[in-house]
Amino acid sequence: MTSPAPSFYHPAPRAQQFCSQCGHALSHEVPPDDNRVRDLCKHCGAVHYQNPRNVVGVVPIWHDQVLLCRRAIEPRYGKWTLPAGFMELGETTEQGAARENQEESGARIRIQSLLTVIDVPSVNQVHLYYLAEVLDPTLDPGPETLEAAFFKLDAIPWQELSFRSVSTTLEHYLQDRPGGRFPTHHYAIDLRFPD
């Protein structure tokens, strides 16, 4: 028997109800010698720690154009984004960013430097975007992308961008470009409050 293809890909839920060690119901409380509410198993004593998820991606540049992908998945279906997604186990942030680019745009790239590190504590994530040189303009977008396209830097579809981390990363790139130096920008955004 084959399973139907999932229509929506997302990470496992944060809230656990049962212990992955013994299967008993979990309680949500501060364990002894700790300072935060955790998922705690009173049967076997296991404490289930949750850590932020890393989103890794690239700012792919072809001459004076940036490569963007139009999302074929939720959230933000149909909006433009930089090639990015959740980092996988067993890979570095740079490897994850390159993989996400390959999956979403199919562009051949050379990663250059880390451009932004964005803390997004309201959704328990850290976003890391690398500057990347596109090696040739051939694109082959995967199933998570409706289309991939190059945009002149003065024609970026700002009102149609998917996430604030994408727009702020592009803003930093545009600010740094005239000087030709691209330092790493580290900042936080709070998605609970609009700008």
C-alpha atoms as a PDB file:
ATOM      1  CA  MET A   1       0.000   0.000   0.000  1.00  0.00           C
ATOM      2  CA  THR A   2       1.386   3.406  -0.925  1.00  0.00           C
ATOM      3  CA  SER A   3       0.766   6.590   1.013  1.00  0.00           C
ATOM      4  CA  PRO A   4      -0.596   9.641  -0.724  1.00  0.00           C
ATOM      5  CA  ALA A   5       1.941  12.397  -1.379  1.00  0.00           C
ATOM      6  CA  PRO A   6       1.870  14.988   1.390  1.00  0.00           C
ATOM      7  CA  SER A   7       0.352  18.281   0.264  1.00  0.00           C
ATOM      8  CA  PHE A   8       2.097  20.304   2.957  1.00  0.00           C
ATOM      9  CA  TYR A   9       5.598  19.789   4.274  1.00  0.00           C
ATOM     10  CA  HIS A  10       6.401  21.075   7.737  1.00  0.00           C
ATOM     11  CA  PRO A  11       8.638  20.188  10.671  1.00  0.00           C
ATOM     12  CA  ALA A  12       7.388  17.908  13.419  1.00  0.00           C
ATOM     13  CA  PRO A  13       5.171  19.713  15.918  1.00  0.00           C
ATOM     14  CA  ARG A  14       6.885  21.322  18.887  1.00  0.00           C
ATOM     15  CA  ALA A  15       4.368  20.136  21.464  1.00  0.00           C
ATOM     16  CA  GLN A  16       4.936  16.525  22.456  1.00  0.00           C
ATOM     17  CA  GLN A  17       2.307  14.519  24.288  1.00  0.00           C
ATOM     18  CA  PHE A  18       4.108  11.250  24.856  1.00  0.00           C
ATOM     19  CA  CYS A  19       7.631  10.325  25.924  1.00  0.00           C
ATOM     20  CA  SER A  20       9.795   9.063  23.069  1.00  0.00           C
ATOM     21  CA  GLN A  21      11.693   6.892  25.577  1.00  0.00           C
ATOM     22  CA  CYS A  22       8.870   4.992  27.282  1.00  0.00           C
ATOM     23  CA  GLY A  23       5.589   6.132  25.675  1.00  0.00           C
ATOM     24  CA  HIS A  24       3.977   7.573  28.807  1.00  0.00           C
ATOM     25  CA  ALA A  25       2.172  10.921  28.846  1.00  0.00           C
ATOM     26  CA  LEU A  26       4.350  13.969  29.364  1.00  0.00           C
ATOM     27  CA  SER A  27       3.828  16.806  31.802  1.00  0.00           C
ATOM     28  CA  HIS A  28       4.884  20.386  31.104  1.00  0.00           C
ATOM     29  CA  GLU A  29       6.790  21.837  34.040  1.00  0.00           C
ATOM     30  CA  VAL A  30      10.153  23.121  35.214  1.00  0.00           C
ATOM     31  CA  PRO A  31      12.375  20.103  36.032  1.00  0.00           C
ATOM     32  CA  PRO A  32      14.506  20.185  39.181  1.00  0.00           C
ATOM     33  CA  ASP A  33      17.705  22.236  38.691  1.00  0.00           C
ATOM     34  CA  ASP A  34      16.310  23.887  35.539  1.00  0.00           C
ATOM     35  CA  ASN A  35      14.764  27.290  34.840  1.00  0.00           C
ATOM     36  CA  ARG A  36      12.333  26.671  31.949  1.00  0.00           C
ATOM     37  CA  VAL A  37       9.179  24.685  31.348  1.00  0.00           C
ATOM     38  CA  ARG A  38      10.069  21.452  29.557  1.00  0.00           C
ATOM     39  CA  ASP A  39       8.323  18.303  28.385  1.00  0.00           C
ATOM     40  CA  LEU A  40       8.985  15.990  31.323  1.00  0.00           C
ATOM     41  CA  CYS A  41       8.210  12.301  31.718  1.00  0.00           C
ATOM     42  CA  LYS A  42       7.367  11.519  35.327  1.00  0.00           C
ATOM     43  CA  HIS A  43       7.466   7.799  34.547  1.00  0.00           C
ATOM     44  CA  CYS A  44      11.074   7.416  33.328  1.00  0.00           C
ATOM     45  CA  GLY A  45      12.465  10.878  34.140  1.00  0.00           C
ATOM     46  CA  ALA A  46      13.352  11.850  30.564  1.00  0.00           C
ATOM     47  CA  VAL A  47      13.452  15.575  29.864  1.00  0.00           C
ATOM     48  CA  HIS A  48      12.674  16.445  26.235  1.00  0.00           C
ATOM     49  CA  TYR A  49      14.549  19.610  25.285  1.00  0.00           C
ATOM     50  CA  GLN A  50      13.427  21.732  22.344  1.00  0.00           C
ATOM     51  CA  ASN A  51      15.950  23.863  20.462  1.00  0.00           C
ATOM     52  CA  PRO A  52      15.584  26.485  17.729  1.00  0.00           C
ATOM     53  CA  ARG A  53      15.393  25.318  14.126  1.00  0.00           C
ATOM     54  CA  ASN A  54      17.878  26.676  11.594  1.00  0.00           C
ATOM     55  CA  VAL A  55      16.674  28.031   8.267  1.00  0.00           C
ATOM     56  CA  VAL A  56      19.536  28.227   5.748  1.00  0.00           C
ATOM     57  CA  GLY A  57      19.570  29.870   2.360  1.00  0.00           C
ATOM     58  CA  VAL A  58      21.401  31.914  -0.232  1.00  0.00           C
ATOM     59  CA  VAL A  59      21.291  35.291  -1.949  1.00  0.00           C
ATOM     60  CA  PRO A  60      22.161  34.105  -5.484  1.00  0.00           C
ATOM     61  CA  ILE A  61      23.575  36.892  -7.657  1.00  0.00           C
ATOM     62  CA  TRP A  62      24.015  36.768 -11.435  1.00  0.00           C
ATOM     63  CA  HIS A  63      25.800  39.990 -12.482  1.00  0.00           C
ATOM     64  CA  ASP A  64      23.344  42.753 -11.456  1.00  0.00           C
ATOM     65  CA  GLN A  65      20.412  40.422 -10.825  1.00  0.00           C
ATOM     66  CA  VAL A  66      19.172  38.377  -7.875  1.00  0.00           C
ATOM     67  CA  LEU A  67      17.577  34.958  -8.246  1.00  0.00           C
ATOM     68  CA  LEU A  68      14.212  34.527  -6.530  1.00  0.00           C
ATOM     69  CA  CYS A  69      11.835  31.554  -6.358  1.00  0.00           C
ATOM     70  CA  ARG A  70       8.035  31.702  -6.275  1.00  0.00           C
ATOM     71  CA  ARG A  71       6.800  29.353  -3.560  1.00  0.00           C
ATOM     72  CA  ALA A  72       4.693  26.314  -4.501  1.00  0.00           C
ATOM     73  CA  ILE A  73       4.066  25.453  -0.841  1.00  0.00           C
ATOM     74  CA  GLU A  74       2.524  27.048   2.217  1.00  0.00           C
ATOM     75  CA  PRO A  75       3.131  29.214   4.052  1.00  0.00           C
ATOM     76  CA  ARG A  76       3.134  32.140   1.626  1.00  0.00           C
ATOM     77  CA  TYR A  77       2.185  30.120  -1.452  1.00  0.00           C
ATOM     78  CA  GLY A  78       2.848  32.143  -4.625  1.00  0.00           C
ATOM     79  CA  LYS A  79       5.132  34.688  -2.942  1.00  0.00           C
ATOM     80  CA  TRP A  80       8.758  35.265  -3.978  1.00  0.00           C
ATOM     81  CA  THR A  81      11.588  34.112  -1.743  1.00  0.00           C
ATOM     82  CA  LEU A  82      15.291  33.495  -1.656  1.00  0.00           C
ATOM     83  CA  PRO A  83      16.163  29.788  -1.985  1.00  0.00           C
ATOM     84  CA  ALA A  84      16.096  28.601   1.641  1.00  0.00           C
ATOM     85  CA  GLY A  85      14.683  26.012   3.989  1.00  0.00           C
ATOM     86  CA  PHE A  86      15.271  23.993   7.120  1.00  0.00           C
ATOM     87  CA  MET A  87      18.756  22.665   7.736  1.00  0.00           C
ATOM     88  CA  GLU A  88      18.977  18.863   7.811  1.00  0.00           C
ATOM     89  CA  LEU A  89      20.823  16.700  10.305  1.00  0.00           C
ATOM     90  CA  GLY A  90      24.361  15.811   9.248  1.00  0.00           C
ATOM     91  CA  GLU A  91      25.051  18.925   7.179  1.00  0.00           C
ATOM     92  CA  THR A  92      26.763  22.248   7.785  1.00  0.00           C
ATOM     93  CA  THR A  93      24.855  25.492   7.393  1.00  0.00           C
ATOM     94  CA  GLU A  94      26.701  26.119   4.116  1.00  0.00           C
ATOM     95  CA  GLN A  95      25.896  22.632   2.810  1.00  0.00           C
ATOM     96  CA  GLY A  96      22.246  23.086   3.769  1.00  0.00           C
ATOM     97  CA  ALA A  97      22.048  26.457   2.018  1.00  0.00           C
ATOM     98  CA  ALA A  98      23.578  24.988  -1.153  1.00  0.00           C
ATOM     99  CA  ARG A  99      21.190  22.009  -1.026  1.00  0.00           C
ATOM    100  CA  GLU A 100      18.142  24.234  -0.573  1.00  0.00           C
ATOM    101  CA  ASN A 101      19.254  26.342  -3.544  1.00  0.00           C
ATOM    102  CA  GLN A 102      19.659  23.229  -5.688  1.00  0.00           C
ATOM    103  CA  GLU A 103      16.249  21.871  -4.663  1.00  0.00           C
ATOM    104  CA  GLU A 104      14.369  25.139  -5.172  1.00  0.00           C
ATOM    105  CA  SER A 105      16.093  26.816  -8.134  1.00  0.00           C
ATOM    106  CA  GLY A 106      18.440  24.265  -9.710  1.00  0.00           C
ATOM    107  CA  ALA A 107      21.008  27.037 -10.254  1.00  0.00           C
ATOM    108  CA  ARG A 108      24.723  26.250 -10.087  1.00  0.00           C
ATOM    109  CA  ILE A 109      26.249  28.518  -7.462  1.00  0.00           C
ATOM    110  CA  ARG A 110      29.451  29.207  -5.546  1.00  0.00           C
ATOM    111  CA  ILE A 111      28.850  30.238  -1.942  1.00  0.00           C
ATOM    112  CA  GLN A 112      30.946  33.237  -0.947  1.00  0.00           C
ATOM    113  CA  SER A 113      30.272  34.514   2.586  1.00  0.00           C
ATOM    114  CA  LEU A 114      27.703  34.593   5.365  1.00  0.00           C
ATOM    115  CA  LEU A 115      25.564  37.708   4.848  1.00  0.00           C
ATOM    116  CA  THR A 116      22.871  37.604   7.551  1.00  0.00           C
ATOM    117  CA  VAL A 117      22.210  35.777  10.816  1.00  0.00           C
ATOM    118  CA  ILE A 118      18.668  36.558  11.925  1.00  0.00           C
ATOM    119  CA  ASP A 119      17.254  35.502  15.277  1.00  0.00           C
ATOM    120  CA  VAL A 120      13.485  34.932  15.086  1.00  0.00           C
ATOM    121  CA  PRO A 121      12.660  33.929  18.681  1.00  0.00           C
ATOM    122  CA  SER A 122       8.888  34.319  18.264  1.00  0.00           C
ATOM    123  CA  VAL A 123       8.920  31.203  16.012  1.00  0.00           C
ATOM    124  CA  ASN A 124      11.973  29.507  17.594  1.00  0.00           C
ATOM    125  CA  GLN A 125      14.158  29.856  14.491  1.00  0.00           C
ATOM    126  CA  VAL A 126      17.509  31.241  13.378  1.00  0.00           C
ATOM    127  CA  HIS A 127      17.835  32.215   9.683  1.00  0.00           C
ATOM    128  CA  LEU A 128      21.251  32.210   7.985  1.00  0.00           C
ATOM    129  CA  TYR A 129      21.720  33.534   4.447  1.00  0.00           C
ATOM    130  CA  TYR A 130      24.918  33.194   2.423  1.00  0.00           C
ATOM    131  CA  LEU A 131      25.907  35.410  -0.465  1.00  0.00           C
ATOM    132  CA  ALA A 132      26.374  33.242  -3.573  1.00  0.00           C
ATOM    133  CA  GLU A 133      27.605  33.753  -7.111  1.00  0.00           C
ATOM    134  CA  VAL A 134      25.456  32.153  -9.804  1.00  0.00           C
ATOM    135  CA  LEU A 135      27.797  30.334 -12.211  1.00  0.00           C
ATOM    136  CA  ASP A 136      25.407  30.150 -15.161  1.00  0.00           C
ATOM    137  CA  PRO A 137      21.825  31.340 -15.687  1.00  0.00           C
ATOM    138  CA  THR A 138      20.295  27.901 -16.337  1.00  0.00           C
ATOM    139  CA  LEU A 139      17.487  27.199 -13.851  1.00  0.00           C
ATOM    140  CA  ASP A 140      15.734  23.939 -13.024  1.00  0.00           C
ATOM    141  CA  PRO A 141      13.279  24.574 -10.168  1.00  0.00           C
ATOM    142  CA  GLY A 142      12.051  21.668  -8.074  1.00  0.00           C
ATOM    143  CA  PRO A 143       8.526  20.816  -6.861  1.00  0.00           C
ATOM    144  CA  GLU A 144       8.513  23.401  -4.037  1.00  0.00           C
ATOM    145  CA  THR A 145       8.922  26.212  -6.598  1.00  0.00           C
ATOM    146  CA  LEU A 146       6.306  27.486  -9.077  1.00  0.00           C
ATOM    147  CA  GLU A 147       8.985  29.376 -11.009  1.00  0.00           C
ATOM    148  CA  ALA A 148      12.483  30.757 -10.531  1.00  0.00           C
ATOM    149  CA  ALA A 149      13.570  34.020 -12.125  1.00  0.00           C
ATOM    150  CA  PHE A 150      16.279  36.665 -12.107  1.00  0.00           C
ATOM    151  CA  PHE A 151      15.321  40.193 -11.066  1.00  0.00           C
ATOM    152  CA  LYS A 152      17.258  43.380 -11.712  1.00  0.00           C
ATOM    153  CA  LEU A 153      18.142  44.915  -8.372  1.00  0.00           C
ATOM    154  CA  ASP A 154      15.876  47.899  -9.042  1.00  0.00           C
ATOM    155  CA  ALA A 155      12.967  45.584  -9.932  1.00  0.00           C
ATOM    156  CA  ILE A 156      12.803  43.312  -6.861  1.00  0.00           C
ATOM    157  CA  PRO A 157       9.103  42.608  -6.156  1.00  0.00           C
ATOM    158  CA  TRP A 158       9.228  43.954  -2.591  1.00  0.00           C
ATOM    159  CA  GLN A 159       5.468  43.774  -2.000  1.00  0.00           C
ATOM    160  CA  GLU A 160       5.410  40.124  -3.114  1.00  0.00           C
ATOM    161  CA  LEU A 161       8.263  38.804  -0.925  1.00  0.00           C
ATOM    162  CA  SER A 162       7.395  35.908   1.349  1.00  0.00           C
ATOM    163  CA  PHE A 163       9.140  36.607   4.661  1.00  0.00           C
ATOM    164  CA  ARG A 164      10.621  39.533   6.555  1.00  0.00           C
ATOM    165  CA  SER A 165      13.979  37.734   6.834  1.00  0.00           C
ATOM    166  CA  VAL A 166      14.077  37.637   3.012  1.00  0.00           C
ATOM    167  CA  SER A 167      13.342  41.351   2.613  1.00  0.00           C
ATOM    168  CA  THR A 168      15.796  42.463   5.332  1.00  0.00           C
ATOM    169  CA  THR A 169      18.525  40.237   3.881  1.00  0.00           C
ATOM    170  CA  LEU A 170      17.990  41.761   0.434  1.00  0.00           C
ATOM    171  CA  GLU A 171      18.043  45.253   1.974  1.00  0.00           C
ATOM    172  CA  HIS A 172      21.434  44.524   3.577  1.00  0.00           C
ATOM    173  CA  TYR A 173      22.777  43.209   0.279  1.00  0.00           C
ATOM    174  CA  LEU A 174      21.675  46.357  -1.574  1.00  0.00           C
ATOM    175  CA  GLN A 175      23.163  48.619   1.122  1.00  0.00           C
ATOM    176  CA  ASP A 176      26.517  46.796   1.017  1.00  0.00           C
ATOM    177  CA  ARG A 177      26.791  46.401  -2.763  1.00  0.00           C
ATOM    178  CA  PRO A 178      28.055  49.923  -3.670  1.00  0.00           C
ATOM    179  CA  GLY A 179      31.076  49.512  -1.366  1.00  0.00           C
ATOM    180  CA  GLY A 180      31.783  45.962  -2.520  1.00  0.00           C
ATOM    181  CA  ARG A 181      32.158  44.746   1.068  1.00  0.00           C
ATOM    182  CA  PHE A 182      29.661  42.323   2.547  1.00  0.00           C
ATOM    183  CA  PRO A 183      30.066  41.978   6.318  1.00  0.00           C
ATOM    184  CA  THR A 184      27.864  39.589   8.275  1.00  0.00           C
ATOM    185  CA  HIS A 185      24.765  41.305   9.680  1.00  0.00           C
ATOM    186  CA  HIS A 186      23.372  39.817  12.902  1.00  0.00           C
ATOM    187  CA  TYR A 187      20.010  41.019  14.196  1.00  0.00           C
ATOM    188  CA  ALA A 188      16.645  39.873  15.505  1.00  0.00           C
ATOM    189  CA  ILE A 189      13.142  40.281  14.156  1.00  0.00           C
ATOM    190  CA  ASP A 190       9.956  39.727  16.114  1.00  0.00           C
ATOM    191  CA  LEU A 191       7.136  38.340  14.004  1.00  0.00           C
ATOM    192  CA  ARG A 192       4.561  39.081  16.711  1.00  0.00           C
ATOM    193  CA  PHE A 193       4.683  42.783  15.872  1.00  0.00           C
ATOM    194  CA  PRO A 194       4.612  44.335  12.369  1.00  0.00           C
ATOM    195  CA  ASP A 195       7.289  46.879  11.465  1.00  0.00           C
END
